[in-house]
Amino acid sequence: MKNRVHEVRLEDYQHLSDTELLQRSKNIQVQLTQLLGLMWELEGKERDKIEQEMDELDIEDMKIHAILSAREDRPNTEHRY
């Protein structure tokens, strides 16, 4: 597992409701599961490409959960995750 630091801006997600963010997260989890199954069938550069796509989806999911957490903690405060 890589250590990662990504900036998450509340304003980038403020147009989305909590329900929409949770649905996005659920969709990401489905995509990750599908890509994981596909990854085991591939080798070399094709597999690396799938791993990169999974990494990007994982980052987006972490951002979604950071936003949801920030909204719960302090809705009018900036957070950095």
C-alpha atoms as a PDB file:
ATOM      1  CA  MET A   1       0.000   0.000   0.000  1.00  0.00           C
ATOM      2  CA  LYS A   2       1.336   3.391  -0.959  1.00  0.00           C
ATOM      3  CA  ASN A   3       1.280   6.391   1.343  1.00  0.00           C
ATOM      4  CA  ARG A   4      -0.543   9.154  -0.453  1.00  0.00           C
ATOM      5  CA  VAL A   5      -1.481  12.721   0.248  1.00  0.00           C
ATOM      6  CA  HIS A   6      -4.095  14.382  -1.919  1.00  0.00           C
ATOM      7  CA  GLU A   7      -5.757  17.719  -1.470  1.00  0.00           C
ATOM      8  CA  VAL A   8      -9.535  17.581  -1.359  1.00  0.00           C
ATOM      9  CA  ARG A   9     -11.482  20.773  -1.853  1.00  0.00           C
ATOM     10  CA  LEU A  10     -14.987  20.873  -0.412  1.00  0.00           C
ATOM     11  CA  GLU A  11     -16.137  23.287  -3.108  1.00  0.00           C
ATOM     12  CA  ASP A  12     -15.303  20.712  -5.811  1.00  0.00           C
ATOM     13  CA  TYR A  13     -17.988  18.439  -4.372  1.00  0.00           C
ATOM     14  CA  GLN A  14     -20.483  20.848  -2.822  1.00  0.00           C
ATOM     15  CA  HIS A  15     -22.908  20.494  -5.746  1.00  0.00           C
ATOM     16  CA  LEU A  16     -23.311  16.795  -4.891  1.00  0.00           C
ATOM     17  CA  SER A  17     -25.507  15.537  -2.077  1.00  0.00           C
ATOM     18  CA  ASP A  18     -24.335  12.931   0.417  1.00  0.00           C
ATOM     19  CA  THR A  19     -26.589  10.399  -1.326  1.00  0.00           C
ATOM     20  CA  GLU A  20     -24.968  11.143  -4.695  1.00  0.00           C
ATOM     21  CA  LEU A  21     -21.490  10.827  -3.196  1.00  0.00           C
ATOM     22  CA  LEU A  22     -22.373   7.502  -1.571  1.00  0.00           C
ATOM     23  CA  GLN A  23     -23.754   6.240  -4.896  1.00  0.00           C
ATOM     24  CA  ARG A  24     -20.534   7.290  -6.631  1.00  0.00           C
ATOM     25  CA  SER A  25     -18.542   5.432  -4.000  1.00  0.00           C
ATOM     26  CA  LYS A  26     -20.676   2.326  -4.486  1.00  0.00           C
ATOM     27  CA  ASN A  27     -20.163   2.526  -8.269  1.00  0.00           C
ATOM     28  CA  ILE A  28     -16.413   2.870  -7.770  1.00  0.00           C
ATOM     29  CA  GLN A  29     -16.387  -0.244  -5.589  1.00  0.00           C
ATOM     30  CA  VAL A  30     -18.196  -2.198  -8.319  1.00  0.00           C
ATOM     31  CA  GLN A  31     -15.692  -0.963 -10.925  1.00  0.00           C
ATOM     32  CA  LEU A  32     -12.756  -1.877  -8.691  1.00  0.00           C
ATOM     33  CA  THR A  33     -14.110  -5.392  -8.223  1.00  0.00           C
ATOM     34  CA  GLN A  34     -14.567  -5.836 -11.978  1.00  0.00           C
ATOM     35  CA  LEU A  35     -11.095  -4.483 -12.741  1.00  0.00           C
ATOM     36  CA  LEU A  36      -9.521  -6.739 -10.126  1.00  0.00           C
ATOM     37  CA  GLY A  37     -10.992  -9.777 -11.875  1.00  0.00           C
ATOM     38  CA  LEU A  38      -9.759  -8.507 -15.233  1.00  0.00           C
ATOM     39  CA  MET A  39      -6.307  -7.679 -13.910  1.00  0.00           C
ATOM     40  CA  TRP A  40      -5.560 -11.306 -13.064  1.00  0.00           C
ATOM     41  CA  GLU A  41      -6.148 -12.274 -16.693  1.00  0.00           C
ATOM     42  CA  LEU A  42      -3.659  -9.744 -18.059  1.00  0.00           C
ATOM     43  CA  GLU A  43       0.105  -9.352 -18.070  1.00  0.00           C
ATOM     44  CA  GLY A  44       2.668  -6.655 -18.710  1.00  0.00           C
ATOM     45  CA  LYS A  45       1.575  -3.210 -19.862  1.00  0.00           C
ATOM     46  CA  GLU A  46      -2.111  -4.164 -20.013  1.00  0.00           C
ATOM     47  CA  ARG A  47      -1.999  -5.185 -16.355  1.00  0.00           C
ATOM     48  CA  ASP A  48      -0.113  -2.004 -15.429  1.00  0.00           C
ATOM     49  CA  LYS A  49      -2.814   0.058 -17.142  1.00  0.00           C
ATOM     50  CA  ILE A  50      -5.547  -1.687 -15.113  1.00  0.00           C
ATOM     51  CA  GLU A  51      -3.560  -1.160 -11.894  1.00  0.00           C
ATOM     52  CA  GLN A  52      -3.261   2.566 -12.710  1.00  0.00           C
ATOM     53  CA  GLU A  53      -6.998   2.814 -13.369  1.00  0.00           C
ATOM     54  CA  MET A  54      -7.725   1.037 -10.083  1.00  0.00           C
ATOM     55  CA  ASP A  55      -5.368   3.402  -8.286  1.00  0.00           C
ATOM     56  CA  GLU A  56      -7.184   6.441  -9.711  1.00  0.00           C
ATOM     57  CA  LEU A  57     -10.579   5.019  -8.717  1.00  0.00           C
ATOM     58  CA  ASP A  58      -9.284   4.300  -5.215  1.00  0.00           C
ATOM     59  CA  ILE A  59      -8.065   7.896  -4.877  1.00  0.00           C
ATOM     60  CA  GLU A  60     -11.447   9.235  -5.998  1.00  0.00           C
ATOM     61  CA  ASP A  61     -13.184   6.995  -3.456  1.00  0.00           C
ATOM     62  CA  MET A  62     -10.899   8.226  -0.677  1.00  0.00           C
ATOM     63  CA  LYS A  63     -11.696  11.820  -1.648  1.00  0.00           C
ATOM     64  CA  ILE A  64     -15.429  11.101  -1.512  1.00  0.00           C
ATOM     65  CA  HIS A  65     -15.129   9.664   1.985  1.00  0.00           C
ATOM     66  CA  ALA A  66     -12.955  12.587   3.093  1.00  0.00           C
ATOM     67  CA  ILE A  67     -15.651  14.991   1.889  1.00  0.00           C
ATOM     68  CA  LEU A  68     -18.394  13.057   3.676  1.00  0.00           C
ATOM     69  CA  SER A  69     -16.314  12.995   6.845  1.00  0.00           C
ATOM     70  CA  ALA A  70     -15.599  16.721   6.618  1.00  0.00           C
ATOM     71  CA  ARG A  71     -19.290  17.468   6.159  1.00  0.00           C
ATOM     72  CA  GLU A  72     -20.090  15.494   9.303  1.00  0.00           C
ATOM     73  CA  ASP A  73     -17.314  17.044  11.401  1.00  0.00           C
ATOM     74  CA  ARG A  74     -17.570  20.702  10.527  1.00  0.00           C
ATOM     75  CA  PRO A  75     -19.648  21.664   7.525  1.00  0.00           C
ATOM     76  CA  ASN A  76     -18.127  25.145   7.232  1.00  0.00           C
ATOM     77  CA  THR A  77     -14.462  24.284   7.774  1.00  0.00           C
ATOM     78  CA  GLU A  78     -11.782  23.470   5.238  1.00  0.00           C
ATOM     79  CA  HIS A  79     -10.075  20.103   5.647  1.00  0.00           C
ATOM     80  CA  ARG A  80      -6.935  18.684   4.147  1.00  0.00           C
ATOM     81  CA  TYR A  81      -6.580  14.924   3.701  1.00  0.00           C
END
